[in-house]
Amino acid sequence: MREDAGRLLVFGLGYSGQAIALAARVAGFEVLVTSRRDVAGAAVEVVPFAAAQGAVAWATHIVATAAPDAQGDPVLACYEAEIRAAQALRWVGYLSTTGVYGNRDGDWVDEGTAPMPGSERARRRVMAEAQWAALPVAVDVFRLAGIYGPGRSMFDDLRAGEARHVVKPGHLFGRIHRDDIAQGVVAAMRQVVPPGLRIFNFSDDVPAASAEVVCEAARLLGVAPPEPVDFEAARKRMSPMALSFWAENRRVGNAQTKATLGFAWKYPSYREGLRAILAEEHLQAAGQQSQV
């Protein structure tokens, strides 16, 4: 194991949590991941969430991925005392959301912009950020844009017949590839920083309209995109969750994040990300055929 590596405990074996765990292991960290359910064949060592006291004491680094509820962060609800008492712990990372910035009518926000949550979901995130920031160690809050990657992209929506070509001029969304989340979190973990709070914006370099992404994904698949639908017509069939995302329009800056962590995104826009996902799918398909 490399000299700068440590012992990482990831709370949550979800899409981002597993990617972070695997990237950290490649970087030389020992890794444990918690899960609330039985997991067979996981690529990393898993401990039950309800029995993670020993793992907390063991860890030098902790990443929390769970969404808060009305009472606050679920990890701290169970383990705040143990985390505060952990002698080896020197760094904590919390996965939050750029949703804490709320609606800015298309204006830019950056790492220094004060939160302005416009939904109960985002207000809970702000509360959870404050709970983690109160810990007496180095705390990094990662505000994530819309997450996509293999198995969770517009390709999947198109194949399932669930993609919507919604047209709303001037309305932009930020995105971040799963592997860039993992890269960024590991880069932050490897820095030696004093106790205190840092804010990072994990959003790619090119905020883009939803319709752009749908059309590009369809082009790469060689299929026709869904028929365009004006937002005012489309909203009548949207779920409350979907409507809450369309109610907010902002562009998220990341210059300070990249400068502090010393890297560039592997996928600076949805274009590079979609091409990489499709290339990975083709490689996997070729590998499966070769085994037949």
C-alpha atoms as a PDB file:
ATOM      1  CA  MET A   1       0.000   0.000   0.000  1.00  0.00           C
ATOM      2  CA  ARG A   2       1.270   3.476  -0.829  1.00  0.00           C
ATOM      3  CA  GLU A   3       2.570   5.680   1.951  1.00  0.00           C
ATOM      4  CA  ASP A   4      -0.152   8.315   1.503  1.00  0.00           C
ATOM      5  CA  ALA A   5      -3.007   5.804   1.535  1.00  0.00           C
ATOM      6  CA  GLY A   6      -5.261   5.119   4.492  1.00  0.00           C
ATOM      7  CA  ARG A   7      -8.304   3.145   5.525  1.00  0.00           C
ATOM      8  CA  LEU A   8     -11.580   4.193   3.913  1.00  0.00           C
ATOM      9  CA  LEU A   9     -15.078   3.452   5.166  1.00  0.00           C
ATOM     10  CA  VAL A  10     -17.832   4.208   2.648  1.00  0.00           C
ATOM     11  CA  PHE A  11     -21.337   4.476   4.067  1.00  0.00           C
ATOM     12  CA  GLY A  12     -23.504   3.207   1.234  1.00  0.00           C
ATOM     13  CA  LEU A  13     -22.980   0.609  -1.485  1.00  0.00           C
ATOM     14  CA  GLY A  14     -24.883   2.573  -4.111  1.00  0.00           C
ATOM     15  CA  TYR A  15     -23.943   3.698  -7.597  1.00  0.00           C
ATOM     16  CA  SER A  16     -21.472   6.399  -6.535  1.00  0.00           C
ATOM     17  CA  GLY A  17     -20.365   4.715  -3.317  1.00  0.00           C
ATOM     18  CA  GLN A  18     -19.210   1.570  -5.055  1.00  0.00           C
ATOM     19  CA  ALA A  19     -17.328   3.564  -7.707  1.00  0.00           C
ATOM     20  CA  ILE A  20     -15.544   5.573  -5.003  1.00  0.00           C
ATOM     21  CA  ALA A  21     -14.661   2.409  -3.111  1.00  0.00           C
ATOM     22  CA  LEU A  22     -13.150   0.749  -6.175  1.00  0.00           C
ATOM     23  CA  ALA A  23     -11.192   3.870  -7.170  1.00  0.00           C
ATOM     24  CA  ALA A  24      -9.854   4.248  -3.636  1.00  0.00           C
ATOM     25  CA  ARG A  25      -8.695   0.648  -3.602  1.00  0.00           C
ATOM     26  CA  VAL A  26      -6.830   1.203  -6.867  1.00  0.00           C
ATOM     27  CA  ALA A  27      -5.212   4.259  -5.234  1.00  0.00           C
ATOM     28  CA  GLY A  28      -3.905   2.074  -2.410  1.00  0.00           C
ATOM     29  CA  PHE A  29      -6.521   2.500   0.307  1.00  0.00           C
ATOM     30  CA  GLU A  30      -7.882  -0.335   2.354  1.00  0.00           C
ATOM     31  CA  VAL A  31     -11.649  -0.161   1.896  1.00  0.00           C
ATOM     32  CA  LEU A  32     -14.797  -1.224   3.717  1.00  0.00           C
ATOM     33  CA  VAL A  33     -18.331  -0.398   2.571  1.00  0.00           C
ATOM     34  CA  THR A  34     -21.533  -0.558   4.599  1.00  0.00           C
ATOM     35  CA  SER A  35     -24.838  -1.865   3.340  1.00  0.00           C
ATOM     36  CA  ARG A  36     -28.280  -2.214   4.916  1.00  0.00           C
ATOM     37  CA  ARG A  37     -28.998  -5.362   2.906  1.00  0.00           C
ATOM     38  CA  ASP A  38     -27.284  -8.687   2.334  1.00  0.00           C
ATOM     39  CA  VAL A  39     -24.842  -8.395  -0.552  1.00  0.00           C
ATOM     40  CA  ALA A  40     -23.509 -11.411  -2.393  1.00  0.00           C
ATOM     41  CA  GLY A  41     -20.546 -11.159  -4.721  1.00  0.00           C
ATOM     42  CA  ALA A  42     -19.721  -7.511  -4.030  1.00  0.00           C
ATOM     43  CA  ALA A  43     -16.450  -6.279  -5.506  1.00  0.00           C
ATOM     44  CA  VAL A  44     -15.463  -4.757  -2.138  1.00  0.00           C
ATOM     45  CA  GLU A  45     -15.623  -5.936   1.466  1.00  0.00           C
ATOM     46  CA  VAL A  46     -19.017  -5.158   2.992  1.00  0.00           C
ATOM     47  CA  VAL A  47     -20.024  -4.724   6.632  1.00  0.00           C
ATOM     48  CA  PRO A  48     -23.627  -4.421   7.848  1.00  0.00           C
ATOM     49  CA  PHE A  49     -24.655  -0.817   8.431  1.00  0.00           C
ATOM     50  CA  ALA A  50     -26.079  -1.711  11.832  1.00  0.00           C
ATOM     51  CA  ALA A  51     -22.761  -3.211  12.965  1.00  0.00           C
ATOM     52  CA  ALA A  52     -20.272  -0.621  11.694  1.00  0.00           C
ATOM     53  CA  GLN A  53     -18.923   0.577  15.061  1.00  0.00           C
ATOM     54  CA  GLY A  54     -15.634  -1.243  14.615  1.00  0.00           C
ATOM     55  CA  ALA A  55     -15.273  -0.004  11.053  1.00  0.00           C
ATOM     56  CA  VAL A  56     -15.736   3.599  12.225  1.00  0.00           C
ATOM     57  CA  ALA A  57     -12.960   3.183  14.791  1.00  0.00           C
ATOM     58  CA  TRP A  58     -10.736   1.572  12.140  1.00  0.00           C
ATOM     59  CA  ALA A  59     -11.168   4.241   9.455  1.00  0.00           C
ATOM     60  CA  THR A  60      -8.836   7.122   8.680  1.00  0.00           C
ATOM     61  CA  HIS A  61     -11.271   8.374   6.026  1.00  0.00           C
ATOM     62  CA  ILE A  62     -15.069   8.224   5.806  1.00  0.00           C
ATOM     63  CA  VAL A  63     -17.331   8.922   2.826  1.00  0.00           C
ATOM     64  CA  ALA A  64     -21.076   9.276   3.435  1.00  0.00           C
ATOM     65  CA  THR A  65     -23.405   8.837   0.477  1.00  0.00           C
ATOM     66  CA  ALA A  66     -26.873   8.500   2.030  1.00  0.00           C
ATOM     67  CA  ALA A  67     -29.591  11.086   1.459  1.00  0.00           C
ATOM     68  CA  PRO A  68     -30.944  12.814   4.584  1.00  0.00           C
ATOM     69  CA  ASP A  69     -34.450  12.413   5.908  1.00  0.00           C
ATOM     70  CA  ALA A  70     -36.559  14.875   7.894  1.00  0.00           C
ATOM     71  CA  GLN A  71     -34.428  14.241  10.993  1.00  0.00           C
ATOM     72  CA  GLY A  72     -31.128  14.882   9.231  1.00  0.00           C
ATOM     73  CA  ASP A  73     -28.282  12.661   8.109  1.00  0.00           C
ATOM     74  CA  PRO A  74     -28.930   8.944   8.763  1.00  0.00           C
ATOM     75  CA  VAL A  75     -25.264   8.077   9.264  1.00  0.00           C
ATOM     76  CA  LEU A  76     -24.808  10.711  11.953  1.00  0.00           C
ATOM     77  CA  ALA A  77     -28.108   9.685  13.529  1.00  0.00           C
ATOM     78  CA  CYS A  78     -26.562   6.272  14.193  1.00  0.00           C
ATOM     79  CA  TYR A  79     -22.850   6.936  14.517  1.00  0.00           C
ATOM     80  CA  GLU A  80     -22.121  10.577  15.381  1.00  0.00           C
ATOM     81  CA  ALA A  81     -20.736   9.728  18.824  1.00  0.00           C
ATOM     82  CA  GLU A  82     -18.493   7.001  17.408  1.00  0.00           C
ATOM     83  CA  ILE A  83     -17.285   9.265  14.593  1.00  0.00           C
ATOM     84  CA  ARG A  84     -16.444  12.067  17.016  1.00  0.00           C
ATOM     85  CA  ALA A  85     -14.564   9.615  19.228  1.00  0.00           C
ATOM     86  CA  ALA A  86     -12.640   7.927  16.397  1.00  0.00           C
ATOM     87  CA  GLN A  87      -8.946   8.460  17.107  1.00  0.00           C
ATOM     88  CA  ALA A  88      -7.675   7.451  13.665  1.00  0.00           C
ATOM     89  CA  LEU A  89     -10.135   9.550  11.669  1.00  0.00           C
ATOM     90  CA  ARG A  90      -8.630  12.510   9.838  1.00  0.00           C
ATOM     91  CA  TRP A  91     -11.016  13.211   6.929  1.00  0.00           C
ATOM     92  CA  VAL A  92     -14.706  12.971   6.075  1.00  0.00           C
ATOM     93  CA  GLY A  93     -16.379  13.420   2.702  1.00  0.00           C
ATOM     94  CA  TYR A  94     -20.108  13.989   2.249  1.00  0.00           C
ATOM     95  CA  LEU A  95     -21.920  13.592  -1.078  1.00  0.00           C
ATOM     96  CA  SER A  96     -24.449  16.411  -1.350  1.00  0.00           C
ATOM     97  CA  THR A  97     -26.114  18.007  -4.376  1.00  0.00           C
ATOM     98  CA  THR A  98     -25.914  21.168  -6.450  1.00  0.00           C
ATOM     99  CA  GLY A  99     -29.640  21.359  -5.739  1.00  0.00           C
ATOM    100  CA  VAL A 100     -28.758  23.298  -2.584  1.00  0.00           C
ATOM    101  CA  TYR A 101     -28.157  26.352  -4.819  1.00  0.00           C
ATOM    102  CA  GLY A 102     -31.814  26.417  -5.878  1.00  0.00           C
ATOM    103  CA  ASN A 103     -33.150  28.275  -8.890  1.00  0.00           C
ATOM    104  CA  ARG A 104     -30.904  31.020 -10.307  1.00  0.00           C
ATOM    105  CA  ASP A 105     -32.805  31.663 -13.559  1.00  0.00           C
ATOM    106  CA  GLY A 106     -29.860  30.383 -15.577  1.00  0.00           C
ATOM    107  CA  ASP A 107     -27.176  32.400 -13.765  1.00  0.00           C
ATOM    108  CA  TRP A 108     -23.874  30.919 -12.643  1.00  0.00           C
ATOM    109  CA  VAL A 109     -23.120  29.696  -9.145  1.00  0.00           C
ATOM    110  CA  ASP A 110     -19.731  28.634  -7.809  1.00  0.00           C
ATOM    111  CA  GLU A 111     -18.214  27.084  -4.709  1.00  0.00           C
ATOM    112  CA  GLY A 112     -18.568  30.345  -2.786  1.00  0.00           C
ATOM    113  CA  THR A 113     -22.239  30.882  -3.601  1.00  0.00           C
ATOM    114  CA  ALA A 114     -24.503  30.639  -0.561  1.00  0.00           C
ATOM    115  CA  PRO A 115     -27.134  27.895  -0.707  1.00  0.00           C
ATOM    116  CA  MET A 116     -30.672  28.944  -1.569  1.00  0.00           C
ATOM    117  CA  PRO A 117     -32.646  25.693  -1.414  1.00  0.00           C
ATOM    118  CA  GLY A 118     -36.014  25.800  -3.094  1.00  0.00           C
ATOM    119  CA  SER A 119     -37.367  22.408  -2.064  1.00  0.00           C
ATOM    120  CA  GLU A 120     -37.694  20.408   1.117  1.00  0.00           C
ATOM    121  CA  ARG A 121     -35.301  17.853  -0.342  1.00  0.00           C
ATOM    122  CA  ALA A 122     -32.619  20.522  -0.838  1.00  0.00           C
ATOM    123  CA  ARG A 123     -33.248  22.061   2.590  1.00  0.00           C
ATOM    124  CA  ARG A 124     -32.549  18.676   4.138  1.00  0.00           C
ATOM    125  CA  ARG A 125     -29.273  18.547   2.234  1.00  0.00           C
ATOM    126  CA  VAL A 126     -28.231  21.940   3.606  1.00  0.00           C
ATOM    127  CA  MET A 127     -29.033  20.718   7.104  1.00  0.00           C
ATOM    128  CA  ALA A 128     -27.000  17.540   6.579  1.00  0.00           C
ATOM    129  CA  GLU A 129     -24.046  19.523   5.220  1.00  0.00           C
ATOM    130  CA  ALA A 130     -24.059  21.606   8.404  1.00  0.00           C
ATOM    131  CA  GLN A 131     -24.175  18.482  10.563  1.00  0.00           C
ATOM    132  CA  TRP A 132     -21.096  17.037   8.879  1.00  0.00           C
ATOM    133  CA  ALA A 133     -19.297  20.397   8.872  1.00  0.00           C
ATOM    134  CA  ALA A 134     -19.583  20.524  12.667  1.00  0.00           C
ATOM    135  CA  LEU A 135     -17.215  17.561  13.079  1.00  0.00           C
ATOM    136  CA  PRO A 136     -13.717  18.351  14.426  1.00  0.00           C
ATOM    137  CA  VAL A 137     -11.861  16.933  11.394  1.00  0.00           C
ATOM    138  CA  ALA A 138     -11.272  17.905   7.775  1.00  0.00           C
ATOM    139  CA  VAL A 139     -14.672  17.814   6.061  1.00  0.00           C
ATOM    140  CA  ASP A 140     -15.158  17.985   2.298  1.00  0.00           C
ATOM    141  CA  VAL A 141     -18.686  18.488   0.952  1.00  0.00           C
ATOM    142  CA  PHE A 142     -19.105  17.389  -2.656  1.00  0.00           C
ATOM    143  CA  ARG A 143     -22.096  19.014  -4.336  1.00  0.00           C
ATOM    144  CA  LEU A 144     -22.989  16.698  -7.197  1.00  0.00           C
ATOM    145  CA  ALA A 145     -24.872  17.594 -10.357  1.00  0.00           C
ATOM    146  CA  GLY A 146     -27.042  15.018 -12.148  1.00  0.00           C
ATOM    147  CA  ILE A 147     -25.211  11.693 -11.989  1.00  0.00           C
ATOM    148  CA  TYR A 148     -24.878   9.487 -15.044  1.00  0.00           C
ATOM    149  CA  GLY A 149     -22.655   6.654 -16.209  1.00  0.00           C
ATOM    150  CA  PRO A 150     -22.764   3.025 -17.364  1.00  0.00           C
ATOM    151  CA  GLY A 151     -26.187   1.569 -16.696  1.00  0.00           C
ATOM    152  CA  ARG A 152     -27.597   4.981 -15.825  1.00  0.00           C
ATOM    153  CA  SER A 153     -27.576   7.120 -18.949  1.00  0.00           C
ATOM    154  CA  MET A 154     -29.781   8.405 -21.736  1.00  0.00           C
ATOM    155  CA  PHE A 155     -28.950   5.238 -23.671  1.00  0.00           C
ATOM    156  CA  ASP A 156     -30.870   3.214 -21.102  1.00  0.00           C
ATOM    157  CA  ASP A 157     -33.830   5.582 -21.281  1.00  0.00           C
ATOM    158  CA  LEU A 158     -33.912   5.394 -25.073  1.00  0.00           C
ATOM    159  CA  ARG A 159     -33.738   1.598 -25.114  1.00  0.00           C
ATOM    160  CA  ALA A 160     -36.494   1.375 -22.526  1.00  0.00           C
ATOM    161  CA  GLY A 161     -38.690   3.776 -24.459  1.00  0.00           C
ATOM    162  CA  GLU A 162     -38.647   6.186 -21.518  1.00  0.00           C
ATOM    163  CA  ALA A 163     -36.615   9.057 -22.997  1.00  0.00           C
ATOM    164  CA  ARG A 164     -38.432  12.370 -23.339  1.00  0.00           C
ATOM    165  CA  HIS A 165     -37.393  15.050 -25.833  1.00  0.00           C
ATOM    166  CA  VAL A 166     -38.568  18.020 -23.787  1.00  0.00           C
ATOM    167  CA  VAL A 167     -37.878  21.437 -25.287  1.00  0.00           C
ATOM    168  CA  LYS A 168     -37.506  24.393 -22.936  1.00  0.00           C
ATOM    169  CA  PRO A 169     -35.248  27.063 -24.487  1.00  0.00           C
ATOM    170  CA  GLY A 170     -32.604  28.441 -22.141  1.00  0.00           C
ATOM    171  CA  HIS A 171     -33.086  25.764 -19.483  1.00  0.00           C
ATOM    172  CA  LEU A 172     -29.782  24.040 -18.716  1.00  0.00           C
ATOM    173  CA  PHE A 173     -28.780  21.160 -16.478  1.00  0.00           C
ATOM    174  CA  GLY A 174     -25.414  20.200 -15.007  1.00  0.00           C
ATOM    175  CA  ARG A 175     -24.185  16.615 -15.086  1.00  0.00           C
ATOM    176  CA  ILE A 176     -21.313  14.591 -13.689  1.00  0.00           C
ATOM    177  CA  HIS A 177     -20.080  11.170 -14.759  1.00  0.00           C
ATOM    178  CA  ARG A 178     -19.859   8.507 -12.071  1.00  0.00           C
ATOM    179  CA  ASP A 179     -16.133   7.987 -12.718  1.00  0.00           C
ATOM    180  CA  ASP A 180     -15.399  11.702 -12.325  1.00  0.00           C
ATOM    181  CA  ILE A 181     -17.114  11.600  -8.937  1.00  0.00           C
ATOM    182  CA  ALA A 182     -14.841   8.749  -7.911  1.00  0.00           C
ATOM    183  CA  GLN A 183     -11.743  10.477  -9.320  1.00  0.00           C
ATOM    184  CA  GLY A 184     -12.543  13.712  -7.531  1.00  0.00           C
ATOM    185  CA  VAL A 185     -13.327  12.188  -4.156  1.00  0.00           C
ATOM    186  CA  VAL A 186     -10.134  10.130  -4.170  1.00  0.00           C
ATOM    187  CA  ALA A 187      -8.096  13.211  -5.139  1.00  0.00           C
ATOM    188  CA  ALA A 188      -9.555  15.070  -2.155  1.00  0.00           C
ATOM    189  CA  MET A 189      -8.912  12.136   0.176  1.00  0.00           C
ATOM    190  CA  ARG A 190      -5.247  12.060  -0.740  1.00  0.00           C
ATOM    191  CA  GLN A 191      -4.682  15.688   0.237  1.00  0.00           C
ATOM    192  CA  VAL A 192      -3.482  16.420   3.750  1.00  0.00           C
ATOM    193  CA  VAL A 193      -5.577  19.325   5.018  1.00  0.00           C
ATOM    194  CA  PRO A 194      -6.295  20.749   8.490  1.00  0.00           C
ATOM    195  CA  PRO A 195      -9.678  20.430  10.200  1.00  0.00           C
ATOM    196  CA  GLY A 196     -12.319  22.594   8.581  1.00  0.00           C
ATOM    197  CA  LEU A 197     -14.796  22.692   5.717  1.00  0.00           C
ATOM    198  CA  ARG A 198     -14.178  22.702   1.971  1.00  0.00           C
ATOM    199  CA  ILE A 199     -16.903  22.889  -0.677  1.00  0.00           C
ATOM    200  CA  PHE A 200     -16.486  21.269  -4.097  1.00  0.00           C
ATOM    201  CA  ASN A 201     -18.799  21.485  -7.100  1.00  0.00           C
ATOM    202  CA  PHE A 202     -18.834  18.250  -9.068  1.00  0.00           C
ATOM    203  CA  SER A 203     -20.518  19.401 -12.263  1.00  0.00           C
ATOM    204  CA  ASP A 204     -18.979  19.089 -15.709  1.00  0.00           C
ATOM    205  CA  ASP A 205     -17.779  22.008 -17.804  1.00  0.00           C
ATOM    206  CA  VAL A 206     -20.747  22.288 -20.179  1.00  0.00           C
ATOM    207  CA  PRO A 207     -24.233  22.847 -18.750  1.00  0.00           C
ATOM    208  CA  ALA A 208     -26.594  21.624 -21.450  1.00  0.00           C
ATOM    209  CA  ALA A 209     -30.248  21.349 -22.323  1.00  0.00           C
ATOM    210  CA  SER A 210     -31.936  18.007 -21.797  1.00  0.00           C
ATOM    211  CA  ALA A 211     -32.953  17.949 -25.464  1.00  0.00           C
ATOM    212  CA  GLU A 212     -29.298  18.156 -26.546  1.00  0.00           C
ATOM    213  CA  VAL A 213     -28.417  15.050 -24.575  1.00  0.00           C
ATOM    214  CA  VAL A 214     -31.391  13.083 -25.885  1.00  0.00           C
ATOM    215  CA  CYS A 215     -30.521  13.910 -29.482  1.00  0.00           C
ATOM    216  CA  GLU A 216     -26.815  13.120 -29.079  1.00  0.00           C
ATOM    217  CA  ALA A 217     -27.523   9.782 -27.400  1.00  0.00           C
ATOM    218  CA  ALA A 218     -29.960   8.862 -30.165  1.00  0.00           C
ATOM    219  CA  ARG A 219     -27.408   9.835 -32.813  1.00  0.00           C
ATOM    220  CA  LEU A 220     -24.751   7.633 -31.202  1.00  0.00           C
ATOM    221  CA  LEU A 221     -27.170   4.714 -31.081  1.00  0.00           C
ATOM    222  CA  GLY A 222     -28.189   5.286 -34.682  1.00  0.00           C
ATOM    223  CA  VAL A 223     -31.858   5.747 -33.844  1.00  0.00           C
ATOM    224  CA  ALA A 224     -34.292   8.596 -34.255  1.00  0.00           C
ATOM    225  CA  PRO A 225     -34.799  10.732 -31.151  1.00  0.00           C
ATOM    226  CA  PRO A 226     -38.275  10.917 -29.648  1.00  0.00           C
ATOM    227  CA  GLU A 227     -40.556  13.556 -31.068  1.00  0.00           C
ATOM    228  CA  PRO A 228     -39.897  16.948 -29.442  1.00  0.00           C
ATOM    229  CA  VAL A 229     -42.472  18.093 -26.910  1.00  0.00           C
ATOM    230  CA  ASP A 230     -42.808  21.632 -25.586  1.00  0.00           C
ATOM    231  CA  PHE A 231     -42.232  21.846 -21.845  1.00  0.00           C
ATOM    232  CA  GLU A 232     -45.655  23.295 -21.104  1.00  0.00           C
ATOM    233  CA  ALA A 233     -47.258  20.281 -22.747  1.00  0.00           C
ATOM    234  CA  ALA A 234     -44.796  17.796 -21.236  1.00  0.00           C
ATOM    235  CA  ARG A 235     -45.190  19.047 -17.672  1.00  0.00           C
ATOM    236  CA  LYS A 236     -48.773  17.792 -17.520  1.00  0.00           C
ATOM    237  CA  ARG A 237     -47.446  14.226 -17.471  1.00  0.00           C
ATOM    238  CA  MET A 238     -44.425  14.792 -15.213  1.00  0.00           C
ATOM    239  CA  SER A 239     -44.112  13.423 -11.705  1.00  0.00           C
ATOM    240  CA  PRO A 240     -43.694  15.878  -8.808  1.00  0.00           C
ATOM    241  CA  MET A 241     -40.029  14.839  -8.610  1.00  0.00           C
ATOM    242  CA  ALA A 242     -39.432  15.597 -12.293  1.00  0.00           C
ATOM    243  CA  LEU A 243     -41.236  18.917 -12.020  1.00  0.00           C
ATOM    244  CA  SER A 244     -39.009  19.907  -9.095  1.00  0.00           C
ATOM    245  CA  PHE A 245     -35.914  19.508 -11.275  1.00  0.00           C
ATOM    246  CA  TRP A 246     -37.413  21.521 -14.117  1.00  0.00           C
ATOM    247  CA  ALA A 247     -38.347  24.273 -11.654  1.00  0.00           C
ATOM    248  CA  GLU A 248     -34.659  25.119 -11.185  1.00  0.00           C
ATOM    249  CA  ASN A 249     -32.302  26.538 -13.801  1.00  0.00           C
ATOM    250  CA  ARG A 250     -28.682  27.280 -12.977  1.00  0.00           C
ATOM    251  CA  ARG A 251     -25.171  26.881 -14.344  1.00  0.00           C
ATOM    252  CA  VAL A 252     -22.640  25.453 -11.915  1.00  0.00           C
ATOM    253  CA  GLY A 253     -19.033  26.626 -11.998  1.00  0.00           C
ATOM    254  CA  ASN A 254     -16.229  24.290 -10.960  1.00  0.00           C
ATOM    255  CA  ALA A 255     -12.999  26.254 -11.477  1.00  0.00           C
ATOM    256  CA  GLN A 256     -12.056  26.328  -7.795  1.00  0.00           C
ATOM    257  CA  THR A 257     -12.802  22.630  -7.435  1.00  0.00           C
ATOM    258  CA  LYS A 258     -10.499  21.626 -10.270  1.00  0.00           C
ATOM    259  CA  ALA A 259      -7.764  24.028  -9.191  1.00  0.00           C
ATOM    260  CA  THR A 260      -7.794  22.809  -5.595  1.00  0.00           C
ATOM    261  CA  LEU A 261      -7.825  19.131  -6.526  1.00  0.00           C
ATOM    262  CA  GLY A 262      -5.368  19.577  -9.389  1.00  0.00           C
ATOM    263  CA  PHE A 263      -7.147  17.754 -12.195  1.00  0.00           C
ATOM    264  CA  ALA A 264      -9.504  18.093 -15.135  1.00  0.00           C
ATOM    265  CA  TRP A 265     -12.646  16.057 -15.596  1.00  0.00           C
ATOM    266  CA  LYS A 266     -12.170  12.874 -17.581  1.00  0.00           C
ATOM    267  CA  TYR A 267     -15.542  13.653 -19.168  1.00  0.00           C
ATOM    268  CA  PRO A 268     -15.805  17.465 -19.416  1.00  0.00           C
ATOM    269  CA  SER A 269     -19.192  17.284 -21.129  1.00  0.00           C
ATOM    270  CA  TYR A 270     -21.978  14.825 -21.792  1.00  0.00           C
ATOM    271  CA  ARG A 271     -20.523  14.203 -25.265  1.00  0.00           C
ATOM    272  CA  GLU A 272     -17.326  12.575 -24.003  1.00  0.00           C
ATOM    273  CA  GLY A 273     -19.250  10.755 -21.300  1.00  0.00           C
ATOM    274  CA  LEU A 274     -21.810   9.246 -23.654  1.00  0.00           C
ATOM    275  CA  ARG A 275     -19.141   8.127 -26.125  1.00  0.00           C
ATOM    276  CA  ALA A 276     -17.202   6.421 -23.331  1.00  0.00           C
ATOM    277  CA  ILE A 277     -20.295   4.628 -22.036  1.00  0.00           C
ATOM    278  CA  LEU A 278     -21.125   3.315 -25.493  1.00  0.00           C
ATOM    279  CA  ALA A 279     -17.528   2.204 -26.077  1.00  0.00           C
ATOM    280  CA  GLU A 280     -17.582   0.324 -22.762  1.00  0.00           C
ATOM    281  CA  GLU A 281     -20.845  -1.366 -23.718  1.00  0.00           C
ATOM    282  CA  HIS A 282     -19.341  -2.489 -27.030  1.00  0.00           C
ATOM    283  CA  LEU A 283     -16.283  -3.917 -25.258  1.00  0.00           C
ATOM    284  CA  GLN A 284     -18.449  -5.812 -22.798  1.00  0.00           C
ATOM    285  CA  ALA A 285     -20.599  -7.198 -25.598  1.00  0.00           C
ATOM    286  CA  ALA A 286     -17.506  -8.306 -27.518  1.00  0.00           C
ATOM    287  CA  GLY A 287     -16.138  -9.992 -24.405  1.00  0.00           C
ATOM    288  CA  GLN A 288     -19.361 -11.877 -23.825  1.00  0.00           C
ATOM    289  CA  GLN A 289     -19.434 -13.063 -27.435  1.00  0.00           C
ATOM    290  CA  SER A 290     -15.850 -14.314 -27.206  1.00  0.00           C
ATOM    291  CA  GLN A 291     -16.822 -16.484 -24.238  1.00  0.00           C
ATOM    292  CA  VAL A 292     -19.658 -18.183 -26.111  1.00  0.00           C
END
